[in-house]
Amino acid sequence: MSGFFWYDYLIFFIVLAISSGTGIYYGCFGSKQKTVKEYLLGGKKMTPLPIAISVAVSHFSAITIMGVPTEVYKFGAYFVYTMISFVLLGITSISVFFPVFFKLQVTSIYEYLEKRFDNKTKVLVSFFFIVSEVSNMAIGTYAPSLALSAVTGFRLYYIIICVFGTCIFYTTIGGLKTVVWTDIFQIGIILLSLLMICVIGLNTTG
């Protein structure tokens, strides 16, 4: 297996630098995150399109990009039927849940659970969510880090620390606005990469 070339390293570090730079901009310059409303909700001034793209991007990860093609290749395209559930989920959320959350002006579903039930319910559901997300993030970070380790020769732990550290850094200082705009930037890189892979694959097979 051939390793990274200099331009591969350049692109990798540019992606990390732009993501970190976005966090620094919104955290230290621009419209600084001075209040909880600005930090967690972007001041409620962001337009629908970037928010929609960010929400859509948050539903897939490196596991999706690396795992789904393998799944379809081995077992067929029945995986496409899972999209039906996502459509139904979207319609239900938009028509049933979001109007309630918007009317109550809650920051998250956990704040709603506290209002609707009690603090114990909020803590319990939050705990289960944290356990689930820690597991998902661990696997979602391990898979691409393993691939990067294979082609770069760097130790797996160094790559994981680098990627995790960058994400924690720009999210912590930049708030929601940084997360949204880095999501848009990163999905652009992902789609461009997938397009290039398709072009190279078709050219290779003739």
N, C-alpha and C. Protein backbone atom coordinates (compact mmCIF):
# COMPACT_ATOMS: atom_id res chain seq x y z
N MET A 1 0.85 -1.20 0.00
CA MET A 1 0.00 0.00 0.00
C MET A 1 0.89 1.25 0.00
N SER A 2 0.64 2.18 -0.93
CA SER A 2 1.43 3.40 -0.99
C SER A 2 1.00 4.35 0.12
N GLY A 3 1.96 5.11 0.63
CA GLY A 3 1.66 6.02 1.71
C GLY A 3 1.21 7.38 1.22
N PHE A 4 1.10 8.31 2.15
CA PHE A 4 0.71 9.68 1.82
C PHE A 4 1.84 10.37 1.07
N PHE A 5 1.46 11.23 0.13
CA PHE A 5 2.40 12.12 -0.52
C PHE A 5 2.32 13.48 0.19
N TRP A 6 3.21 14.39 -0.20
CA TRP A 6 3.26 15.67 0.50
C TRP A 6 1.94 16.43 0.39
N TYR A 7 1.28 16.33 -0.77
CA TYR A 7 0.03 17.07 -0.93
C TYR A 7 -1.10 16.45 -0.11
N ASP A 8 -1.01 15.15 0.19
CA ASP A 8 -1.99 14.53 1.07
C ASP A 8 -1.88 15.10 2.48
N TYR A 9 -0.65 15.22 2.96
CA TYR A 9 -0.43 15.82 4.28
C TYR A 9 -0.88 17.27 4.29
N LEU A 10 -0.62 17.98 3.19
CA LEU A 10 -1.00 19.39 3.11
C LEU A 10 -2.50 19.55 3.22
N ILE A 11 -3.26 18.74 2.47
CA ILE A 11 -4.73 18.81 2.52
C ILE A 11 -5.23 18.46 3.92
N PHE A 12 -4.65 17.43 4.52
CA PHE A 12 -5.06 16.99 5.86
C PHE A 12 -4.91 18.12 6.87
N PHE A 13 -3.75 18.78 6.85
CA PHE A 13 -3.50 19.84 7.82
C PHE A 13 -4.26 21.11 7.49
N ILE A 14 -4.54 21.36 6.21
CA ILE A 14 -5.36 22.52 5.84
C ILE A 14 -6.78 22.35 6.38
N VAL A 15 -7.33 21.14 6.27
CA VAL A 15 -8.68 20.87 6.80
C VAL A 15 -8.72 21.12 8.30
N LEU A 16 -7.72 20.61 9.02
CA LEU A 16 -7.67 20.82 10.47
C LEU A 16 -7.46 22.29 10.81
N ALA A 17 -6.63 22.97 10.02
CA ALA A 17 -6.33 24.38 10.29
C ALA A 17 -7.55 25.26 10.05
N ILE A 18 -8.28 25.01 8.97
CA ILE A 18 -9.47 25.81 8.67
C ILE A 18 -10.54 25.58 9.74
N SER A 19 -10.71 24.33 10.16
CA SER A 19 -11.68 24.03 11.21
C SER A 19 -11.32 24.75 12.50
N SER A 20 -10.03 24.68 12.89
CA SER A 20 -9.58 25.37 14.10
C SER A 20 -9.69 26.88 13.94
N GLY A 21 -9.35 27.38 12.75
CA GLY A 21 -9.43 28.82 12.50
C GLY A 21 -10.85 29.35 12.59
N THR A 22 -11.82 28.54 12.16
CA THR A 22 -13.22 28.94 12.27
C THR A 22 -13.61 29.10 13.73
N GLY A 23 -13.16 28.15 14.57
CA GLY A 23 -13.43 28.25 16.01
C GLY A 23 -12.79 29.47 16.63
N ILE A 24 -11.55 29.76 16.23
CA ILE A 24 -10.86 30.94 16.76
C ILE A 24 -11.57 32.22 16.34
N TYR A 25 -12.05 32.25 15.10
CA TYR A 25 -12.73 33.45 14.60
C TYR A 25 -13.99 33.73 15.41
N TYR A 26 -14.85 32.72 15.57
CA TYR A 26 -16.10 32.94 16.28
C TYR A 26 -15.91 33.03 17.79
N GLY A 27 -14.82 32.46 18.30
CA GLY A 27 -14.58 32.53 19.73
C GLY A 27 -13.87 33.79 20.18
N CYS A 28 -12.99 34.34 19.31
CA CYS A 28 -12.16 35.48 19.72
C CYS A 28 -12.40 36.74 18.90
N PHE A 29 -12.95 36.59 17.69
CA PHE A 29 -13.19 37.74 16.83
C PHE A 29 -14.65 37.70 16.38
N GLY A 30 -14.97 38.41 15.30
CA GLY A 30 -16.32 38.35 14.75
C GLY A 30 -17.36 38.61 15.82
N SER A 31 -18.46 37.86 15.76
CA SER A 31 -19.51 37.98 16.78
C SER A 31 -19.18 37.02 17.91
N LYS A 32 -18.43 37.48 18.88
CA LYS A 32 -17.97 36.63 19.98
C LYS A 32 -19.15 36.00 20.72
N GLN A 33 -18.92 34.79 21.21
CA GLN A 33 -19.96 34.06 21.91
C GLN A 33 -20.00 34.55 23.36
N LYS A 34 -20.71 35.68 23.60
CA LYS A 34 -20.71 36.31 24.91
C LYS A 34 -21.79 35.77 25.83
N THR A 35 -22.82 35.19 25.26
CA THR A 35 -23.93 34.69 26.09
C THR A 35 -24.18 33.22 25.79
N VAL A 36 -24.93 32.58 26.68
CA VAL A 36 -25.29 31.17 26.48
C VAL A 36 -26.12 31.02 25.20
N LYS A 37 -27.00 31.99 24.95
CA LYS A 37 -27.85 31.95 23.75
C LYS A 37 -27.01 31.99 22.49
N GLU A 38 -25.98 32.83 22.47
CA GLU A 38 -25.10 32.91 21.29
C GLU A 38 -24.26 31.65 21.15
N TYR A 39 -23.79 31.11 22.28
CA TYR A 39 -22.90 29.95 22.25
C TYR A 39 -23.64 28.68 21.84
N LEU A 40 -24.81 28.43 22.41
CA LEU A 40 -25.53 27.18 22.16
C LEU A 40 -26.51 27.27 21.00
N LEU A 41 -27.03 28.47 20.70
CA LEU A 41 -28.06 28.61 19.67
C LEU A 41 -27.65 29.53 18.53
N GLY A 42 -26.39 29.97 18.53
CA GLY A 42 -25.94 30.85 17.46
C GLY A 42 -26.65 32.18 17.45
N GLY A 43 -27.17 32.60 18.62
CA GLY A 43 -27.90 33.85 18.70
C GLY A 43 -29.25 33.79 18.01
N LYS A 44 -29.64 32.63 17.54
CA LYS A 44 -30.91 32.42 16.80
C LYS A 44 -30.99 33.33 15.58
N LYS A 45 -29.84 33.60 14.98
CA LYS A 45 -29.81 34.47 13.81
C LYS A 45 -29.30 33.77 12.56
N MET A 46 -29.00 32.48 12.67
CA MET A 46 -28.48 31.76 11.52
C MET A 46 -29.63 31.39 10.58
N THR A 47 -29.34 31.37 9.29
CA THR A 47 -30.36 31.06 8.29
C THR A 47 -30.63 29.56 8.24
N PRO A 48 -31.79 29.17 7.72
CA PRO A 48 -32.17 27.74 7.74
C PRO A 48 -31.23 26.81 6.96
N LEU A 49 -30.69 27.28 5.82
CA LEU A 49 -29.90 26.39 4.96
C LEU A 49 -28.66 25.82 5.65
N PRO A 50 -27.79 26.66 6.24
CA PRO A 50 -26.62 26.07 6.91
C PRO A 50 -26.99 25.17 8.08
N ILE A 51 -28.06 25.52 8.81
CA ILE A 51 -28.51 24.67 9.91
C ILE A 51 -28.97 23.32 9.38
N ALA A 52 -29.74 23.35 8.28
CA ALA A 52 -30.25 22.11 7.69
C ALA A 52 -29.10 21.22 7.22
N ILE A 53 -28.10 21.82 6.57
CA ILE A 53 -26.95 21.05 6.09
C ILE A 53 -26.20 20.44 7.27
N SER A 54 -26.00 21.22 8.33
CA SER A 54 -25.28 20.73 9.50
C SER A 54 -26.02 19.57 10.16
N VAL A 55 -27.34 19.69 10.28
CA VAL A 55 -28.14 18.60 10.87
C VAL A 55 -28.03 17.34 10.02
N ALA A 56 -28.10 17.51 8.70
CA ALA A 56 -28.01 16.36 7.80
C ALA A 56 -26.65 15.69 7.90
N VAL A 57 -25.60 16.51 7.96
CA VAL A 57 -24.24 15.98 8.04
C VAL A 57 -24.02 15.20 9.34
N SER A 58 -24.67 15.66 10.41
CA SER A 58 -24.47 15.01 11.71
C SER A 58 -25.03 13.60 11.77
N HIS A 59 -25.79 13.20 10.75
CA HIS A 59 -26.40 11.86 10.74
C HIS A 59 -25.54 10.81 10.05
N PHE A 60 -24.37 11.20 9.57
CA PHE A 60 -23.46 10.18 9.05
C PHE A 60 -22.03 10.54 9.40
N SER A 61 -21.19 9.53 9.40
CA SER A 61 -19.81 9.71 9.84
C SER A 61 -18.90 8.89 8.94
N ALA A 62 -17.66 8.75 9.38
CA ALA A 62 -16.71 7.92 8.64
C ALA A 62 -17.17 6.47 8.57
N ILE A 63 -17.92 6.03 9.59
CA ILE A 63 -18.45 4.67 9.57
C ILE A 63 -19.39 4.49 8.37
N THR A 64 -20.21 5.52 8.14
CA THR A 64 -21.13 5.47 7.00
C THR A 64 -20.38 5.40 5.69
N ILE A 65 -19.39 6.28 5.54
CA ILE A 65 -18.65 6.37 4.27
C ILE A 65 -17.86 5.10 4.01
N MET A 66 -17.28 4.53 5.07
CA MET A 66 -16.44 3.35 4.89
C MET A 66 -17.23 2.05 4.96
N GLY A 67 -18.30 2.05 5.77
CA GLY A 67 -19.03 0.81 6.02
C GLY A 67 -20.16 0.50 5.06
N VAL A 68 -20.93 1.55 4.68
CA VAL A 68 -22.11 1.32 3.84
C VAL A 68 -21.74 0.76 2.46
N PRO A 69 -20.72 1.28 1.77
CA PRO A 69 -20.34 0.67 0.49
C PRO A 69 -20.01 -0.82 0.61
N THR A 70 -19.33 -1.18 1.70
CA THR A 70 -19.02 -2.59 1.94
C THR A 70 -20.29 -3.39 2.17
N GLU A 71 -21.20 -2.82 2.95
CA GLU A 71 -22.48 -3.48 3.25
C GLU A 71 -23.26 -3.74 1.96
N VAL A 72 -23.35 -2.72 1.11
CA VAL A 72 -24.10 -2.84 -0.14
C VAL A 72 -23.41 -3.81 -1.08
N TYR A 73 -22.07 -3.76 -1.13
CA TYR A 73 -21.32 -4.65 -2.02
C TYR A 73 -21.53 -6.11 -1.64
N LYS A 74 -21.54 -6.40 -0.33
CA LYS A 74 -21.64 -7.79 0.12
C LYS A 74 -23.08 -8.31 0.14
N PHE A 75 -24.03 -7.45 0.55
CA PHE A 75 -25.38 -7.94 0.80
C PHE A 75 -26.46 -7.32 -0.08
N GLY A 76 -26.08 -6.41 -0.98
CA GLY A 76 -27.07 -5.83 -1.87
C GLY A 76 -27.58 -4.49 -1.38
N ALA A 77 -28.40 -3.87 -2.20
CA ALA A 77 -28.84 -2.50 -1.96
C ALA A 77 -30.07 -2.41 -1.09
N TYR A 78 -30.40 -3.48 -0.36
CA TYR A 78 -31.57 -3.40 0.52
C TYR A 78 -31.38 -2.32 1.59
N PHE A 79 -30.12 -1.94 1.82
CA PHE A 79 -29.81 -0.89 2.80
C PHE A 79 -30.54 0.41 2.46
N VAL A 80 -30.85 0.59 1.18
CA VAL A 80 -31.53 1.82 0.74
C VAL A 80 -32.88 1.96 1.43
N TYR A 81 -33.50 0.84 1.79
CA TYR A 81 -34.82 0.90 2.42
C TYR A 81 -34.78 1.61 3.77
N THR A 82 -33.60 1.70 4.37
CA THR A 82 -33.51 2.41 5.65
C THR A 82 -33.84 3.89 5.47
N MET A 83 -33.71 4.39 4.22
CA MET A 83 -34.02 5.80 3.97
C MET A 83 -35.49 6.10 4.23
N ILE A 84 -36.34 5.09 4.08
CA ILE A 84 -37.76 5.28 4.35
C ILE A 84 -37.99 5.72 5.79
N SER A 85 -37.27 5.08 6.71
CA SER A 85 -37.42 5.43 8.12
C SER A 85 -36.93 6.85 8.39
N PHE A 86 -35.86 7.28 7.69
CA PHE A 86 -35.35 8.63 7.88
C PHE A 86 -36.36 9.68 7.40
N VAL A 87 -37.02 9.39 6.28
CA VAL A 87 -38.05 10.31 5.76
C VAL A 87 -39.20 10.43 6.75
N LEU A 88 -39.67 9.28 7.26
CA LEU A 88 -40.76 9.28 8.23
C LEU A 88 -40.34 9.99 9.52
N LEU A 89 -39.10 9.77 9.92
CA LEU A 89 -38.58 10.43 11.13
C LEU A 89 -38.57 11.94 10.95
N GLY A 90 -38.12 12.40 9.78
CA GLY A 90 -38.08 13.83 9.51
C GLY A 90 -39.46 14.46 9.53
N ILE A 91 -40.40 13.82 8.86
CA ILE A 91 -41.78 14.34 8.81
C ILE A 91 -42.38 14.40 10.21
N THR A 92 -42.19 13.35 10.99
CA THR A 92 -42.73 13.31 12.35
C THR A 92 -42.11 14.39 13.23
N SER A 93 -40.78 14.54 13.12
CA SER A 93 -40.10 15.55 13.94
C SER A 93 -40.57 16.96 13.60
N ILE A 94 -40.68 17.25 12.30
CA ILE A 94 -41.08 18.59 11.86
C ILE A 94 -42.51 18.91 12.26
N SER A 95 -43.39 17.93 12.15
CA SER A 95 -44.81 18.20 12.39
C SER A 95 -45.24 18.04 13.84
N VAL A 96 -44.52 17.23 14.62
CA VAL A 96 -44.96 16.93 15.99
C VAL A 96 -44.03 17.54 17.05
N PHE A 97 -42.74 17.27 16.96
CA PHE A 97 -41.83 17.62 18.05
C PHE A 97 -41.30 19.05 17.96
N PHE A 98 -40.83 19.46 16.80
CA PHE A 98 -40.19 20.77 16.68
C PHE A 98 -41.11 21.93 17.06
N PRO A 99 -42.38 21.91 16.66
CA PRO A 99 -43.26 23.02 17.09
C PRO A 99 -43.35 23.16 18.61
N VAL A 100 -43.36 22.02 19.31
CA VAL A 100 -43.42 22.06 20.78
C VAL A 100 -42.14 22.65 21.35
N PHE A 101 -40.99 22.18 20.84
CA PHE A 101 -39.72 22.69 21.34
C PHE A 101 -39.58 24.18 21.07
N PHE A 102 -40.02 24.60 19.88
CA PHE A 102 -39.89 26.02 19.52
C PHE A 102 -40.79 26.88 20.40
N LYS A 103 -41.99 26.41 20.66
CA LYS A 103 -42.93 27.16 21.49
C LYS A 103 -42.41 27.32 22.91
N LEU A 104 -41.79 26.27 23.44
CA LEU A 104 -41.26 26.30 24.80
C LEU A 104 -39.89 26.98 24.88
N GLN A 105 -39.25 27.21 23.71
CA GLN A 105 -37.93 27.85 23.65
C GLN A 105 -36.89 27.08 24.49
N VAL A 106 -36.91 25.75 24.34
CA VAL A 106 -35.93 24.93 25.07
C VAL A 106 -34.66 24.76 24.22
N THR A 107 -33.53 24.60 24.90
CA THR A 107 -32.26 24.43 24.21
C THR A 107 -32.10 23.02 23.66
N SER A 108 -32.62 22.03 24.38
CA SER A 108 -32.48 20.64 23.97
C SER A 108 -33.66 19.82 24.47
N ILE A 109 -33.73 18.59 24.00
CA ILE A 109 -34.80 17.70 24.43
C ILE A 109 -34.68 17.39 25.92
N TYR A 110 -33.47 17.48 26.46
CA TYR A 110 -33.27 17.19 27.88
C TYR A 110 -33.85 18.28 28.76
N GLU A 111 -33.79 19.50 28.30
CA GLU A 111 -34.45 20.59 29.02
C GLU A 111 -35.96 20.41 28.97
N TYR A 112 -36.47 19.93 27.84
CA TYR A 112 -37.91 19.65 27.73
C TYR A 112 -38.32 18.55 28.70
N LEU A 113 -37.52 17.49 28.80
CA LEU A 113 -37.85 16.39 29.71
C LEU A 113 -37.89 16.86 31.17
N GLU A 114 -37.02 17.80 31.49
CA GLU A 114 -37.04 18.34 32.85
C GLU A 114 -38.31 19.13 33.11
N LYS A 115 -38.73 19.90 32.11
CA LYS A 115 -39.97 20.67 32.25
C LYS A 115 -41.19 19.76 32.29
N ARG A 116 -41.16 18.70 31.46
CA ARG A 116 -42.32 17.82 31.34
C ARG A 116 -42.42 16.84 32.50
N PHE A 117 -41.26 16.35 32.99
CA PHE A 117 -41.26 15.37 34.08
C PHE A 117 -40.52 15.93 35.29
N ASP A 118 -39.25 15.57 35.43
CA ASP A 118 -38.46 16.11 36.54
C ASP A 118 -36.98 16.01 36.21
N ASN A 119 -36.16 16.47 37.14
CA ASN A 119 -34.71 16.49 36.92
C ASN A 119 -34.13 15.09 36.83
N LYS A 120 -34.68 14.13 37.58
CA LYS A 120 -34.18 12.76 37.54
C LYS A 120 -34.34 12.15 36.16
N THR A 121 -35.47 12.42 35.52
CA THR A 121 -35.70 11.91 34.16
C THR A 121 -34.69 12.50 33.19
N LYS A 122 -34.44 13.80 33.33
CA LYS A 122 -33.46 14.45 32.46
C LYS A 122 -32.07 13.85 32.63
N VAL A 123 -31.67 13.64 33.87
CA VAL A 123 -30.34 13.09 34.16
C VAL A 123 -30.21 11.67 33.62
N LEU A 124 -31.26 10.86 33.81
CA LEU A 124 -31.22 9.47 33.35
C LEU A 124 -31.10 9.39 31.83
N VAL A 125 -31.94 10.14 31.11
CA VAL A 125 -31.90 10.12 29.65
C VAL A 125 -30.58 10.71 29.14
N SER A 126 -30.09 11.74 29.81
CA SER A 126 -28.81 12.34 29.44
C SER A 126 -27.68 11.33 29.59
N PHE A 127 -27.73 10.55 30.66
CA PHE A 127 -26.71 9.53 30.89
C PHE A 127 -26.69 8.50 29.77
N PHE A 128 -27.88 8.01 29.39
CA PHE A 128 -27.95 7.03 28.30
C PHE A 128 -27.44 7.62 26.99
N PHE A 129 -27.77 8.88 26.76
CA PHE A 129 -27.31 9.55 25.53
C PHE A 129 -25.79 9.66 25.52
N ILE A 130 -25.20 10.03 26.64
CA ILE A 130 -23.75 10.18 26.73
C ILE A 130 -23.05 8.85 26.47
N VAL A 131 -23.58 7.78 27.08
CA VAL A 131 -23.00 6.45 26.87
C VAL A 131 -23.07 6.07 25.39
N SER A 132 -24.22 6.33 24.77
CA SER A 132 -24.40 6.01 23.35
C SER A 132 -23.45 6.82 22.47
N GLU A 133 -23.35 8.12 22.74
CA GLU A 133 -22.52 8.98 21.91
C GLU A 133 -21.02 8.70 22.08
N VAL A 134 -20.62 8.40 23.31
CA VAL A 134 -19.21 8.07 23.53
C VAL A 134 -18.84 6.82 22.73
N SER A 135 -19.73 5.83 22.73
CA SER A 135 -19.48 4.61 21.95
C SER A 135 -19.43 4.91 20.46
N ASN A 136 -20.40 5.69 19.98
CA ASN A 136 -20.45 6.02 18.55
C ASN A 136 -19.22 6.82 18.13
N MET A 137 -18.84 7.80 18.94
CA MET A 137 -17.68 8.63 18.59
C MET A 137 -16.39 7.84 18.62
N ALA A 138 -16.32 6.92 19.56
CA ALA A 138 -15.12 6.09 19.66
C ALA A 138 -14.94 5.25 18.39
N ILE A 139 -16.02 4.60 17.97
CA ILE A 139 -15.96 3.77 16.76
C ILE A 139 -15.80 4.65 15.52
N GLY A 140 -16.53 5.77 15.50
CA GLY A 140 -16.47 6.68 14.35
C GLY A 140 -15.11 7.32 14.17
N THR A 141 -14.37 7.50 15.24
CA THR A 141 -13.03 8.06 15.15
C THR A 141 -11.99 6.97 14.88
N TYR A 142 -12.21 5.80 15.47
CA TYR A 142 -11.25 4.70 15.32
C TYR A 142 -11.13 4.25 13.86
N ALA A 143 -12.27 4.14 13.17
CA ALA A 143 -12.26 3.61 11.79
C ALA A 143 -11.41 4.46 10.84
N PRO A 144 -11.66 5.78 10.72
CA PRO A 144 -10.80 6.57 9.81
C PRO A 144 -9.38 6.72 10.32
N SER A 145 -9.20 6.74 11.65
CA SER A 145 -7.85 6.85 12.20
C SER A 145 -7.03 5.61 11.86
N LEU A 146 -7.69 4.45 11.86
CA LEU A 146 -7.01 3.21 11.48
C LEU A 146 -6.57 3.26 10.03
N ALA A 147 -7.44 3.80 9.17
CA ALA A 147 -7.09 3.94 7.75
C ALA A 147 -5.93 4.92 7.57
N LEU A 148 -5.99 6.04 8.28
CA LEU A 148 -4.90 7.02 8.19
C LEU A 148 -3.59 6.45 8.72
N SER A 149 -3.68 5.68 9.79
CA SER A 149 -2.48 5.06 10.36
C SER A 149 -1.84 4.10 9.36
N ALA A 150 -2.68 3.40 8.59
CA ALA A 150 -2.17 2.43 7.63
C ALA A 150 -1.41 3.11 6.49
N VAL A 151 -1.90 4.28 6.04
CA VAL A 151 -1.27 4.93 4.89
C VAL A 151 -0.17 5.92 5.27
N THR A 152 -0.19 6.40 6.52
CA THR A 152 0.82 7.38 6.93
C THR A 152 1.95 6.75 7.74
N GLY A 153 1.65 5.65 8.42
CA GLY A 153 2.66 5.05 9.28
C GLY A 153 2.71 5.64 10.67
N PHE A 154 1.89 6.67 10.93
CA PHE A 154 1.84 7.26 12.27
C PHE A 154 1.11 6.33 13.22
N ARG A 155 1.44 6.42 14.48
CA ARG A 155 0.76 5.61 15.47
C ARG A 155 -0.70 6.00 15.56
N LEU A 156 -1.54 5.00 15.75
CA LEU A 156 -2.99 5.21 15.78
C LEU A 156 -3.39 6.22 16.84
N TYR A 157 -2.76 6.14 18.01
CA TYR A 157 -3.13 7.02 19.11
C TYR A 157 -2.83 8.48 18.80
N TYR A 158 -1.74 8.74 18.07
CA TYR A 158 -1.41 10.12 17.72
C TYR A 158 -2.47 10.73 16.81
N ILE A 159 -2.94 9.95 15.86
CA ILE A 159 -3.96 10.44 14.93
C ILE A 159 -5.26 10.72 15.66
N ILE A 160 -5.65 9.80 16.55
CA ILE A 160 -6.89 9.98 17.31
C ILE A 160 -6.81 11.24 18.17
N ILE A 161 -5.69 11.44 18.84
CA ILE A 161 -5.51 12.63 19.69
C ILE A 161 -5.55 13.89 18.84
N CYS A 162 -4.93 13.85 17.67
CA CYS A 162 -4.90 15.02 16.77
C CYS A 162 -6.31 15.39 16.32
N VAL A 163 -7.09 14.40 15.85
CA VAL A 163 -8.43 14.66 15.34
C VAL A 163 -9.37 15.06 16.46
N PHE A 164 -9.36 14.28 17.55
CA PHE A 164 -10.22 14.60 18.69
C PHE A 164 -9.88 15.96 19.27
N GLY A 165 -8.58 16.22 19.42
CA GLY A 165 -8.14 17.49 20.00
C GLY A 165 -8.61 18.68 19.18
N THR A 166 -8.51 18.57 17.85
CA THR A 166 -8.95 19.66 16.98
C THR A 166 -10.45 19.90 17.11
N CYS A 167 -11.23 18.81 17.10
CA CYS A 167 -12.70 18.94 17.21
C CYS A 167 -13.11 19.55 18.54
N ILE A 168 -12.49 19.09 19.62
CA ILE A 168 -12.81 19.62 20.94
C ILE A 168 -12.43 21.09 21.02
N PHE A 169 -11.29 21.44 20.42
CA PHE A 169 -10.81 22.82 20.47
C PHE A 169 -11.78 23.78 19.80
N TYR A 170 -12.11 23.51 18.52
CA TYR A 170 -12.94 24.50 17.81
C TYR A 170 -14.39 24.50 18.30
N THR A 171 -14.87 23.37 18.81
CA THR A 171 -16.23 23.33 19.34
C THR A 171 -16.31 24.10 20.66
N THR A 172 -15.30 23.94 21.50
CA THR A 172 -15.31 24.57 22.82
C THR A 172 -15.26 26.09 22.73
N ILE A 173 -14.39 26.62 21.89
CA ILE A 173 -14.23 28.07 21.86
C ILE A 173 -15.19 28.76 20.89
N GLY A 174 -15.72 28.02 19.91
CA GLY A 174 -16.52 28.66 18.87
C GLY A 174 -18.01 28.50 19.00
N GLY A 175 -18.48 27.48 19.73
CA GLY A 175 -19.91 27.29 19.90
C GLY A 175 -20.61 26.77 18.66
N LEU A 176 -21.91 26.98 18.61
CA LEU A 176 -22.75 26.41 17.56
C LEU A 176 -22.38 26.92 16.17
N LYS A 177 -22.08 28.20 16.05
CA LYS A 177 -21.76 28.75 14.73
C LYS A 177 -20.55 28.05 14.12
N THR A 178 -19.55 27.80 14.95
CA THR A 178 -18.37 27.10 14.46
C THR A 178 -18.71 25.69 14.01
N VAL A 179 -19.51 24.99 14.80
CA VAL A 179 -19.90 23.62 14.45
C VAL A 179 -20.63 23.60 13.12
N VAL A 180 -21.56 24.53 12.93
CA VAL A 180 -22.35 24.57 11.69
C VAL A 180 -21.46 24.83 10.48
N TRP A 181 -20.60 25.84 10.56
CA TRP A 181 -19.79 26.20 9.39
C TRP A 181 -18.68 25.20 9.12
N THR A 182 -18.14 24.57 10.15
CA THR A 182 -17.15 23.51 9.90
C THR A 182 -17.82 22.28 9.30
N ASP A 183 -19.07 22.01 9.71
CA ASP A 183 -19.82 20.91 9.09
C ASP A 183 -19.98 21.14 7.59
N ILE A 184 -20.32 22.37 7.22
CA ILE A 184 -20.52 22.70 5.80
C ILE A 184 -19.20 22.57 5.04
N PHE A 185 -18.13 23.08 5.64
CA PHE A 185 -16.81 22.98 5.00
C PHE A 185 -16.40 21.52 4.84
N GLN A 186 -16.58 20.75 5.88
CA GLN A 186 -16.14 19.35 5.85
C GLN A 186 -16.99 18.50 4.91
N ILE A 187 -18.28 18.77 4.81
CA ILE A 187 -19.11 17.98 3.89
C ILE A 187 -18.72 18.32 2.45
N GLY A 188 -18.28 19.55 2.21
CA GLY A 188 -17.79 19.91 0.88
C GLY A 188 -16.55 19.11 0.52
N ILE A 189 -15.64 18.97 1.48
CA ILE A 189 -14.43 18.17 1.27
C ILE A 189 -14.79 16.70 1.03
N ILE A 190 -15.74 16.19 1.83
CA ILE A 190 -16.15 14.79 1.71
C ILE A 190 -16.77 14.51 0.34
N LEU A 191 -17.69 15.37 -0.10
CA LEU A 191 -18.36 15.17 -1.39
C LEU A 191 -17.36 15.28 -2.54
N LEU A 192 -16.44 16.23 -2.45
CA LEU A 192 -15.41 16.37 -3.48
C LEU A 192 -14.53 15.11 -3.52
N SER A 193 -14.19 14.58 -2.35
CA SER A 193 -13.37 13.37 -2.29
C SER A 193 -14.10 12.17 -2.89
N LEU A 194 -15.39 12.04 -2.57
CA LEU A 194 -16.17 10.93 -3.12
C LEU A 194 -16.28 11.03 -4.63
N LEU A 195 -16.45 12.26 -5.13
CA LEU A 195 -16.52 12.48 -6.57
C LEU A 195 -15.21 12.07 -7.24
N MET A 196 -14.10 12.46 -6.62
CA MET A 196 -12.79 12.10 -7.18
C MET A 196 -12.58 10.59 -7.17
N ILE A 197 -13.04 9.92 -6.10
CA ILE A 197 -12.92 8.46 -6.03
C ILE A 197 -13.72 7.81 -7.15
N CYS A 198 -14.93 8.32 -7.40
CA CYS A 198 -15.77 7.77 -8.49
C CYS A 198 -15.10 7.96 -9.83
N VAL A 199 -14.55 9.15 -10.07
CA VAL A 199 -13.88 9.44 -11.35
C VAL A 199 -12.67 8.53 -11.54
N ILE A 200 -11.84 8.40 -10.49
CA ILE A 200 -10.65 7.54 -10.58
C ILE A 200 -11.05 6.09 -10.78
N GLY A 201 -12.10 5.65 -10.05
CA GLY A 201 -12.56 4.26 -10.19
C GLY A 201 -13.07 3.95 -11.58
N LEU A 202 -13.88 4.87 -12.11
CA LEU A 202 -14.41 4.66 -13.49
C LEU A 202 -13.29 4.70 -14.52
N ASN A 203 -12.33 5.60 -14.31
CA ASN A 203 -11.21 5.69 -15.25
C ASN A 203 -10.34 4.43 -15.19
N THR A 204 -10.17 3.87 -13.99
CA THR A 204 -9.34 2.68 -13.80
C THR A 204 -9.99 1.46 -14.46
N THR A 205 -11.31 1.35 -14.31
CA THR A 205 -12.01 0.19 -14.87
C THR A 205 -12.31 0.37 -16.36
N GLY A 206 -12.12 1.56 -16.86
CA GLY A 206 -12.38 1.79 -18.29
C GLY A 206 -13.84 2.02 -18.59
